[in-house]
PDB file of N, CA and C in Angstrom:
ATOM      1  N   MET A   1      -9.047  -2.316   4.710  1.00  0.00           N
ATOM      2  CA  MET A   1      -7.780  -3.012   4.840  1.00  0.00           C
ATOM      3  C   MET A   1      -7.242  -2.852   6.261  1.00  0.00           C
ATOM      4  N   LYS A   2      -6.648  -3.905   6.735  1.00  0.00           N
ATOM      5  CA  LYS A   2      -6.070  -3.899   8.075  1.00  0.00           C
ATOM      6  C   LYS A   2      -4.690  -3.235   8.025  1.00  0.00           C
ATOM      7  N   LEU A   3      -4.378  -2.445   9.040  1.00  0.00           N
ATOM      8  CA  LEU A   3      -3.097  -1.752   9.133  1.00  0.00           C
ATOM      9  C   LEU A   3      -2.172  -2.511  10.079  1.00  0.00           C
ATOM     10  N   GLN A   4      -0.969  -2.804   9.604  1.00  0.00           N
ATOM     11  CA  GLN A   4       0.025  -3.530  10.402  1.00  0.00           C
ATOM     12  C   GLN A   4       1.307  -2.700  10.449  1.00  0.00           C
ATOM     13  N   LYS A   5       1.975  -2.700  11.587  1.00  0.00           N
ATOM     14  CA  LYS A   5       3.209  -1.929  11.763  1.00  0.00           C
ATOM     15  C   LYS A   5       4.399  -2.869  11.886  1.00  0.00           C
ATOM     16  N   ASP A   6       5.345  -2.718  10.975  1.00  0.00           N
ATOM     17  CA  ASP A   6       6.564  -3.517  10.979  1.00  0.00           C
ATOM     18  C   ASP A   6       7.432  -3.145  12.192  1.00  0.00           C
ATOM     19  N   ASP A   7       8.285  -4.059  12.624  1.00  0.00           N
ATOM     20  CA  ASP A   7       9.178  -3.803  13.756  1.00  0.00           C
ATOM     21  C   ASP A   7      10.092  -2.611  13.509  1.00  0.00           C
ATOM     22  N   LEU A   8      10.566  -2.446  12.277  1.00  0.00           N
ATOM     23  CA  LEU A   8      11.426  -1.312  11.942  1.00  0.00           C
ATOM     24  C   LEU A   8      10.665  -0.005  12.091  1.00  0.00           C
ATOM     25  N   PHE A   9       9.419   0.025  11.662  1.00  0.00           N
ATOM     26  CA  PHE A   9       8.583   1.217  11.833  1.00  0.00           C
ATOM     27  C   PHE A   9       8.445   1.563  13.308  1.00  0.00           C
ATOM     28  N   LEU A  10       8.125   0.572  14.128  1.00  0.00           N
ATOM     29  CA  LEU A  10       7.926   0.812  15.560  1.00  0.00           C
ATOM     30  C   LEU A  10       9.201   1.299  16.235  1.00  0.00           C
ATOM     31  N   ALA A  11      10.349   0.720  15.877  1.00  0.00           N
ATOM     32  CA  ALA A  11      11.625   1.137  16.464  1.00  0.00           C
ATOM     33  C   ALA A  11      11.979   2.557  16.033  1.00  0.00           C
ATOM     34  N   SER A  12      11.781   2.861  14.762  1.00  0.00           N
ATOM     35  CA  SER A  12      12.084   4.203  14.261  1.00  0.00           C
ATOM     36  C   SER A  12      11.158   5.238  14.889  1.00  0.00           C
ATOM     37  N   LEU A  13       9.894   4.905  15.017  1.00  0.00           N
ATOM     38  CA  LEU A  13       8.939   5.814  15.645  1.00  0.00           C
ATOM     39  C   LEU A  13       9.310   6.058  17.101  1.00  0.00           C
ATOM     40  N   ASP A  14       9.719   5.024  17.785  1.00  0.00           N
ATOM     41  CA  ASP A  14      10.134   5.165  19.182  1.00  0.00           C
ATOM     42  C   ASP A  14      11.309   6.134  19.303  1.00  0.00           C
ATOM     43  N   ASN A  15      12.277   6.030  18.406  1.00  0.00           N
ATOM     44  CA  ASN A  15      13.427   6.945  18.418  1.00  0.00           C
ATOM     45  C   ASN A  15      12.993   8.379  18.140  1.00  0.00           C
ATOM     46  N   ILE A  16      12.079   8.550  17.203  1.00  0.00           N
ATOM     47  CA  ILE A  16      11.584   9.890  16.870  1.00  0.00           C
ATOM     48  C   ILE A  16      10.843  10.491  18.062  1.00  0.00           C
ATOM     49  N   LEU A  17       9.996   9.698  18.696  1.00  0.00           N
ATOM     50  CA  LEU A  17       9.242  10.197  19.849  1.00  0.00           C
ATOM     51  C   LEU A  17      10.169  10.538  21.011  1.00  0.00           C
ATOM     52  N   ASP A  18      11.208   9.740  21.221  1.00  0.00           N
ATOM     53  CA  ASP A  18      12.199  10.053  22.259  1.00  0.00           C
ATOM     54  C   ASP A  18      12.880  11.388  21.980  1.00  0.00           C
ATOM     55  N   TYR A  19      13.203  11.629  20.713  1.00  0.00           N
ATOM     56  CA  TYR A  19      13.854  12.871  20.324  1.00  0.00           C
ATOM     57  C   TYR A  19      12.922  14.066  20.543  1.00  0.00           C
ATOM     58  N   ILE A  20      11.676  13.935  20.124  1.00  0.00           N
ATOM     59  CA  ILE A  20      10.702  15.018  20.298  1.00  0.00           C
ATOM     60  C   ILE A  20      10.442  15.266  21.780  1.00  0.00           C
ATOM     61  N   ALA A  21      10.427  14.217  22.569  1.00  0.00           N
ATOM     62  CA  ALA A  21      10.152  14.328  24.006  1.00  0.00           C
ATOM     63  C   ALA A  21      11.229  15.117  24.746  1.00  0.00           C
ATOM     64  N   GLN A  22      12.391  15.279  24.152  1.00  0.00           N
ATOM     65  CA  GLN A  22      13.432  16.093  24.780  1.00  0.00           C
ATOM     66  C   GLN A  22      12.975  17.545  24.914  1.00  0.00           C
ATOM     67  N   ASP A  23      12.101  18.004  24.009  1.00  0.00           N
ATOM     68  CA  ASP A  23      11.529  19.345  24.112  1.00  0.00           C
ATOM     69  C   ASP A  23      10.303  19.364  25.017  1.00  0.00           C
ATOM     70  N   GLY A  24       9.739  18.219  25.273  1.00  0.00           N
ATOM     71  CA  GLY A  24       8.571  18.127  26.139  1.00  0.00           C
ATOM     72  C   GLY A  24       7.749  16.909  25.782  1.00  0.00           C
ATOM     73  N   LEU A  25       7.347  16.182  26.792  1.00  0.00           N
ATOM     74  CA  LEU A  25       6.575  14.958  26.590  1.00  0.00           C
ATOM     75  C   LEU A  25       5.253  15.239  25.885  1.00  0.00           C
ATOM     76  N   ILE A  26       4.671  16.383  26.178  1.00  0.00           N
ATOM     77  CA  ILE A  26       3.388  16.730  25.556  1.00  0.00           C
ATOM     78  C   ILE A  26       3.512  16.851  24.035  1.00  0.00           C
ATOM     79  N   TYR A  27       4.663  17.327  23.549  1.00  0.00           N
ATOM     80  CA  TYR A  27       4.881  17.448  22.105  1.00  0.00           C
ATOM     81  C   TYR A  27       4.976  16.068  21.450  1.00  0.00           C
ATOM     82  N   ALA A  28       5.643  15.154  22.113  1.00  0.00           N
ATOM     83  CA  ALA A  28       5.765  13.797  21.587  1.00  0.00           C
ATOM     84  C   ALA A  28       4.399  13.113  21.546  1.00  0.00           C
ATOM     85  N   LYS A  29       3.610  13.298  22.589  1.00  0.00           N
ATOM     86  CA  LYS A  29       2.269  12.695  22.618  1.00  0.00           C
ATOM     87  C   LYS A  29       1.377  13.279  21.533  1.00  0.00           C
ATOM     88  N   LYS A  30       1.466  14.590  21.334  1.00  0.00           N
ATOM     89  CA  LYS A  30       0.665  15.257  20.314  1.00  0.00           C
ATOM     90  C   LYS A  30       1.064  14.786  18.910  1.00  0.00           C
ATOM     91  N   PHE A  31       2.375  14.688  18.670  1.00  0.00           N
ATOM     92  CA  PHE A  31       2.872  14.199  17.385  1.00  0.00           C
ATOM     93  C   PHE A  31       2.377  12.777  17.132  1.00  0.00           C
ATOM     94  N   ASN A  32       2.499  11.919  18.134  1.00  0.00           N
ATOM     95  CA  ASN A  32       2.088  10.516  17.987  1.00  0.00           C
ATOM     96  C   ASN A  32       0.582  10.397  17.730  1.00  0.00           C
ATOM     97  N   ARG A  33      -0.200  11.195  18.428  1.00  0.00           N
ATOM     98  CA  ARG A  33      -1.652  11.153  18.253  1.00  0.00           C
ATOM     99  C   ARG A  33      -2.031  11.558  16.814  1.00  0.00           C
ATOM    100  N   LYS A  34      -1.425  12.642  16.324  1.00  0.00           N
ATOM    101  CA  LYS A  34      -1.716  13.094  14.959  1.00  0.00           C
ATOM    102  C   LYS A  34      -1.203  12.100  13.921  1.00  0.00           C
ATOM    103  N   LEU A  35      -0.041  11.509  14.193  1.00  0.00           N
ATOM    104  CA  LEU A  35       0.513  10.515  13.269  1.00  0.00           C
ATOM    105  C   LEU A  35      -0.398   9.298  13.175  1.00  0.00           C
ATOM    106  N   GLN A  36      -0.861   8.800  14.301  1.00  0.00           N
ATOM    107  CA  GLN A  36      -1.733   7.623  14.304  1.00  0.00           C
ATOM    108  C   GLN A  36      -3.021   7.891  13.534  1.00  0.00           C
ATOM    109  N   LYS A  37      -3.571   9.086  13.707  1.00  0.00           N
ATOM    110  CA  LYS A  37      -4.788   9.451  12.977  1.00  0.00           C
ATOM    111  C   LYS A  37      -4.507   9.499  11.471  1.00  0.00           C
ATOM    112  N   ALA A  38      -3.359  10.046  11.101  1.00  0.00           N
ATOM    113  CA  ALA A  38      -3.000  10.158   9.682  1.00  0.00           C
ATOM    114  C   ALA A  38      -2.772   8.789   9.048  1.00  0.00           C
ATOM    115  N   VAL A  39      -2.023   7.914   9.703  1.00  0.00           N
ATOM    116  CA  VAL A  39      -1.741   6.605   9.096  1.00  0.00           C
ATOM    117  C   VAL A  39      -2.988   5.727   9.058  1.00  0.00           C
ATOM    118  N   ASN A  40      -3.891   5.925   9.984  1.00  0.00           N
ATOM    119  CA  ASN A  40      -5.143   5.155   9.936  1.00  0.00           C
ATOM    120  C   ASN A  40      -5.973   5.516   8.709  1.00  0.00           C
ATOM    121  N   SER A  41      -5.795   6.731   8.198  1.00  0.00           N
ATOM    122  CA  SER A  41      -6.549   7.152   7.018  1.00  0.00           C
ATOM    123  C   SER A  41      -6.009   6.520   5.729  1.00  0.00           C
ATOM    124  N   ILE A  42      -4.809   5.960   5.769  1.00  0.00           N
ATOM    125  CA  ILE A  42      -4.220   5.334   4.575  1.00  0.00           C
ATOM    126  C   ILE A  42      -5.097   4.211   4.052  1.00  0.00           C
ATOM    127  N   SER A  43      -5.712   3.465   4.943  1.00  0.00           N
ATOM    128  CA  SER A  43      -6.498   2.305   4.515  1.00  0.00           C
ATOM    129  C   SER A  43      -7.713   2.690   3.672  1.00  0.00           C
ATOM    130  N   ASN A  44      -8.172   3.935   3.768  1.00  0.00           N
ATOM    131  CA  ASN A  44      -9.312   4.376   2.962  1.00  0.00           C
ATOM    132  C   ASN A  44      -8.950   4.520   1.484  1.00  0.00           C
ATOM    133  N   PHE A  45      -7.760   5.065   1.201  1.00  0.00           N
ATOM    134  CA  PHE A  45      -7.286   5.263  -0.166  1.00  0.00           C
ATOM    135  C   PHE A  45      -5.811   4.884  -0.240  1.00  0.00           C
ATOM    136  N   PRO A  46      -5.491   3.608  -0.257  1.00  0.00           N
ATOM    137  CA  PRO A  46      -4.089   3.179  -0.157  1.00  0.00           C
ATOM    138  C   PRO A  46      -3.205   3.616  -1.329  1.00  0.00           C
ATOM    139  N   TYR A  47      -3.776   3.826  -2.498  1.00  0.00           N
ATOM    140  CA  TYR A  47      -2.965   4.211  -3.666  1.00  0.00           C
ATOM    141  C   TYR A  47      -2.899   5.727  -3.858  1.00  0.00           C
ATOM    142  N   LYS A  48      -3.391   6.488  -2.904  1.00  0.00           N
ATOM    143  CA  LYS A  48      -3.390   7.941  -3.005  1.00  0.00           C
ATOM    144  C   LYS A  48      -1.967   8.512  -2.946  1.00  0.00           C
ATOM    145  N   SER A  49      -1.116   7.928  -2.145  1.00  0.00           N
ATOM    146  CA  SER A  49       0.261   8.416  -1.992  1.00  0.00           C
ATOM    147  C   SER A  49       1.100   8.039  -3.201  1.00  0.00           C
ATOM    148  N   ARG A  50       2.211   8.744  -3.356  1.00  0.00           N
ATOM    149  CA  ARG A  50       3.090   8.504  -4.508  1.00  0.00           C
ATOM    150  C   ARG A  50       3.763   7.141  -4.408  1.00  0.00           C
ATOM    151  N   LYS A  51       4.175   6.623  -5.572  1.00  0.00           N
ATOM    152  CA  LYS A  51       4.980   5.410  -5.611  1.00  0.00           C
ATOM    153  C   LYS A  51       6.284   5.714  -4.882  1.00  0.00           C
ATOM    154  N   SER A  52       6.779   4.769  -4.138  1.00  0.00           N
ATOM    155  CA  SER A  52       7.963   4.985  -3.310  1.00  0.00           C
ATOM    156  C   SER A  52       9.194   5.337  -4.139  1.00  0.00           C
ATOM    157  N   LEU A  53       9.952   6.286  -3.638  1.00  0.00           N
ATOM    158  CA  LEU A  53      11.232   6.650  -4.246  1.00  0.00           C
ATOM    159  C   LEU A  53      12.338   5.702  -3.805  1.00  0.00           C
ATOM    160  N   TYR A  54      12.079   4.917  -2.772  1.00  0.00           N
ATOM    161  CA  TYR A  54      13.105   4.083  -2.148  1.00  0.00           C
ATOM    162  C   TYR A  54      12.979   2.602  -2.505  1.00  0.00           C
ATOM    163  N   TYR A  55      11.860   2.211  -3.086  1.00  0.00           N
ATOM    164  CA  TYR A  55      11.620   0.818  -3.458  1.00  0.00           C
ATOM    165  C   TYR A  55      11.103   0.763  -4.893  1.00  0.00           C
ATOM    166  N   ASP A  56      11.470  -0.253  -5.617  1.00  0.00           N
ATOM    167  CA  ASP A  56      11.005  -0.427  -6.989  1.00  0.00           C
ATOM    168  C   ASP A  56       9.845  -1.422  -7.003  1.00  0.00           C
ATOM    169  N   ASN A  57       8.724  -0.980  -6.465  1.00  0.00           N
ATOM    170  CA  ASN A  57       7.543  -1.828  -6.366  1.00  0.00           C
ATOM    171  C   ASN A  57       6.316  -0.915  -6.385  1.00  0.00           C
ATOM    172  N   GLU A  58       5.405  -1.174  -7.291  1.00  0.00           N
ATOM    173  CA  GLU A  58       4.210  -0.347  -7.435  1.00  0.00           C
ATOM    174  C   GLU A  58       3.331  -0.375  -6.184  1.00  0.00           C
ATOM    175  N   ASN A  59       3.410  -1.435  -5.395  1.00  0.00           N
ATOM    176  CA  ASN A  59       2.587  -1.564  -4.192  1.00  0.00           C
ATOM    177  C   ASN A  59       3.239  -0.981  -2.946  1.00  0.00           C
ATOM    178  N   ILE A  60       4.406  -0.382  -3.090  1.00  0.00           N
ATOM    179  CA  ILE A  60       5.023   0.309  -1.959  1.00  0.00           C
ATOM    180  C   ILE A  60       4.915   1.801  -2.226  1.00  0.00           C
ATOM    181  N   ARG A  61       4.270   2.501  -1.314  1.00  0.00           N
ATOM    182  CA  ARG A  61       3.984   3.924  -1.452  1.00  0.00           C
ATOM    183  C   ARG A  61       4.664   4.710  -0.341  1.00  0.00           C
ATOM    184  N   ASP A  62       4.880   6.003  -0.591  1.00  0.00           N
ATOM    185  CA  ASP A  62       5.465   6.898   0.406  1.00  0.00           C
ATOM    186  C   ASP A  62       4.407   7.872   0.889  1.00  0.00           C
ATOM    187  N   TYR A  63       4.058   7.778   2.161  1.00  0.00           N
ATOM    188  CA  TYR A  63       3.153   8.731   2.775  1.00  0.00           C
ATOM    189  C   TYR A  63       4.022   9.772   3.478  1.00  0.00           C
ATOM    190  N   ILE A  64       3.747  11.039   3.249  1.00  0.00           N
ATOM    191  CA  ILE A  64       4.533  12.113   3.856  1.00  0.00           C
ATOM    192  C   ILE A  64       3.724  12.723   4.994  1.00  0.00           C
ATOM    193  N   PHE A  65       4.365  12.815   6.170  1.00  0.00           N
ATOM    194  CA  PHE A  65       3.715  13.395   7.345  1.00  0.00           C
ATOM    195  C   PHE A  65       4.709  14.296   8.057  1.00  0.00           C
ATOM    196  N   LYS A  66       4.453  15.607   8.030  1.00  0.00           N
ATOM    197  CA  LYS A  66       5.288  16.602   8.721  1.00  0.00           C
ATOM    198  C   LYS A  66       6.775  16.432   8.429  1.00  0.00           C
ATOM    199  N   GLY A  67       7.113  16.193   7.183  1.00  0.00           N
ATOM    200  CA  GLY A  67       8.506  16.053   6.784  1.00  0.00           C
ATOM    201  C   GLY A  67       9.065  14.648   6.943  1.00  0.00           C
ATOM    202  N   TYR A  68       8.302  13.745   7.496  1.00  0.00           N
ATOM    203  CA  TYR A  68       8.711  12.348   7.648  1.00  0.00           C
ATOM    204  C   TYR A  68       8.114  11.527   6.509  1.00  0.00           C
ATOM    205  N   THR A  69       8.882  10.592   6.002  1.00  0.00           N
ATOM    206  CA  THR A  69       8.407   9.680   4.971  1.00  0.00           C
ATOM    207  C   THR A  69       8.068   8.346   5.620  1.00  0.00           C
ATOM    208  N   ILE A  70       6.892   7.839   5.286  1.00  0.00           N
ATOM    209  CA  ILE A  70       6.444   6.551   5.810  1.00  0.00           C
ATOM    210  C   ILE A  70       6.167   5.644   4.619  1.00  0.00           C
ATOM    211  N   PRO A  71       7.140   4.797   4.252  1.00  0.00           N
ATOM    212  CA  PRO A  71       6.858   3.840   3.184  1.00  0.00           C
ATOM    213  C   PRO A  71       5.950   2.720   3.718  1.00  0.00           C
ATOM    214  N   TYR A  72       4.986   2.342   2.892  1.00  0.00           N
ATOM    215  CA  TYR A  72       4.086   1.259   3.291  1.00  0.00           C
ATOM    216  C   TYR A  72       3.810   0.346   2.108  1.00  0.00           C
ATOM    217  N   PHE A  73       3.589  -0.912   2.426  1.00  0.00           N
ATOM    218  CA  PHE A  73       3.346  -1.940   1.424  1.00  0.00           C
ATOM    219  C   PHE A  73       1.870  -2.302   1.412  1.00  0.00           C
ATOM    220  N   ILE A  74       1.270  -2.286   0.230  1.00  0.00           N
ATOM    221  CA  ILE A  74      -0.129  -2.661   0.070  1.00  0.00           C
ATOM    222  C   ILE A  74      -0.170  -4.133  -0.325  1.00  0.00           C
ATOM    223  N   ASP A  75      -0.604  -4.964   0.610  1.00  0.00           N
ATOM    224  CA  ASP A  75      -0.689  -6.411   0.385  1.00  0.00           C
ATOM    225  C   ASP A  75      -2.135  -6.762   0.047  1.00  0.00           C
ATOM    226  N   ASN A  76      -2.437  -6.735  -1.244  1.00  0.00           N
ATOM    227  CA  ASN A  76      -3.810  -7.003  -1.686  1.00  0.00           C
ATOM    228  C   ASN A  76      -4.235  -8.446  -1.429  1.00  0.00           C
ATOM    229  N   ASN A  77      -3.298  -9.378  -1.461  1.00  0.00           N
ATOM    230  CA  ASN A  77      -3.630 -10.789  -1.249  1.00  0.00           C
ATOM    231  C   ASN A  77      -4.160 -11.052   0.149  1.00  0.00           C
ATOM    232  N   ASN A  78      -3.585 -10.359   1.137  1.00  0.00           N
ATOM    233  CA  ASN A  78      -3.992 -10.560   2.535  1.00  0.00           C
ATOM    234  C   ASN A  78      -4.834  -9.411   3.069  1.00  0.00           C
ATOM    235  N   ASN A  79      -5.197  -8.473   2.176  1.00  0.00           N
ATOM    236  CA  ASN A  79      -6.040  -7.342   2.544  1.00  0.00           C
ATOM    237  C   ASN A  79      -5.484  -6.551   3.730  1.00  0.00           C
ATOM    238  N   LYS A  80      -4.178  -6.196   3.630  1.00  0.00           N
ATOM    239  CA  LYS A  80      -3.575  -5.409   4.702  1.00  0.00           C
ATOM    240  C   LYS A  80      -2.547  -4.433   4.147  1.00  0.00           C
ATOM    241  N   ILE A  81      -2.243  -3.446   4.947  1.00  0.00           N
ATOM    242  CA  ILE A  81      -1.228  -2.445   4.643  1.00  0.00           C
ATOM    243  C   ILE A  81      -0.179  -2.533   5.740  1.00  0.00           C
ATOM    244  N   ILE A  82       1.084  -2.644   5.341  1.00  0.00           N
ATOM    245  CA  ILE A  82       2.176  -2.787   6.304  1.00  0.00           C
ATOM    246  C   ILE A  82       3.015  -1.515   6.282  1.00  0.00           C
ATOM    247  N   LEU A  83       3.057  -0.820   7.417  1.00  0.00           N
ATOM    248  CA  LEU A  83       3.918   0.356   7.549  1.00  0.00           C
ATOM    249  C   LEU A  83       5.341  -0.144   7.745  1.00  0.00           C
ATOM    250  N   LEU A  84       6.230   0.193   6.820  1.00  0.00           N
ATOM    251  CA  LEU A  84       7.574  -0.382   6.806  1.00  0.00           C
ATOM    252  C   LEU A  84       8.579   0.391   7.652  1.00  0.00           C
ATOM    253  N   ASP A  85       8.517   1.722   7.631  1.00  0.00           N
ATOM    254  CA  ASP A  85       9.538   2.550   8.281  1.00  0.00           C
ATOM    255  C   ASP A  85       9.010   3.963   8.410  1.00  0.00           C
ATOM    256  N   ILE A  86       9.703   4.805   9.151  1.00  0.00           N
ATOM    257  CA  ILE A  86       9.442   6.227   9.206  1.00  0.00           C
ATOM    258  C   ILE A  86      10.779   6.924   9.357  1.00  0.00           C
ATOM    259  N   PHE A  87      11.021   7.932   8.511  1.00  0.00           N
ATOM    260  CA  PHE A  87      12.305   8.630   8.539  1.00  0.00           C
ATOM    261  C   PHE A  87      12.179   9.992   7.897  1.00  0.00           C
ATOM    262  N   LYS A  88      13.139  10.850   8.205  1.00  0.00           N
ATOM    263  CA  LYS A  88      13.271  12.140   7.521  1.00  0.00           C
ATOM    264  C   LYS A  88      13.998  11.885   6.230  1.00  0.00           C
ATOM    265  N   TRP A  89      13.704  12.648   5.208  1.00  0.00           N
ATOM    266  CA  TRP A  89      14.317  12.431   3.900  1.00  0.00           C
ATOM    267  C   TRP A  89      15.827  12.572   3.941  1.00  0.00           C
ATOM    268  N   ILE A  90      16.364  13.375   4.846  1.00  0.00           N
ATOM    269  CA  ILE A  90      17.818  13.578   4.902  1.00  0.00           C
ATOM    270  C   ILE A  90      18.539  12.348   5.446  1.00  0.00           C
ATOM    271  N   ASP A  91      17.795  11.436   6.111  1.00  0.00           N
ATOM    272  CA  ASP A  91      18.412  10.240   6.688  1.00  0.00           C
ATOM    273  C   ASP A  91      18.737   9.188   5.640  1.00  0.00           C
ATOM    274  N   LYS A  92      18.054   9.197   4.529  1.00  0.00           N
ATOM    275  CA  LYS A  92      18.225   8.117   3.553  1.00  0.00           C
ATOM    276  C   LYS A  92      19.064   8.574   2.433  1.00  0.00           C
TER     277      LYS A  92
END
């Protein structure tokens, strides 16, 4: 399955990386590198993550990465996975 990143996901990730970079750019780069590797693995087993707590749809799942929740939509018709957002649980 092809992985697609929604605009909200990209904007939220940018804010998170900016925040982490305040402690050091190397930390933000390391976080981003590990995150990209983790989300790329979603396409291998898209239904492995729990059903989303934030959406009432069986095809929207919550992937947890270092305390961040990444809801994603499994679009079986178009054979793709759309990363919808990334946030800490306390934000929602």
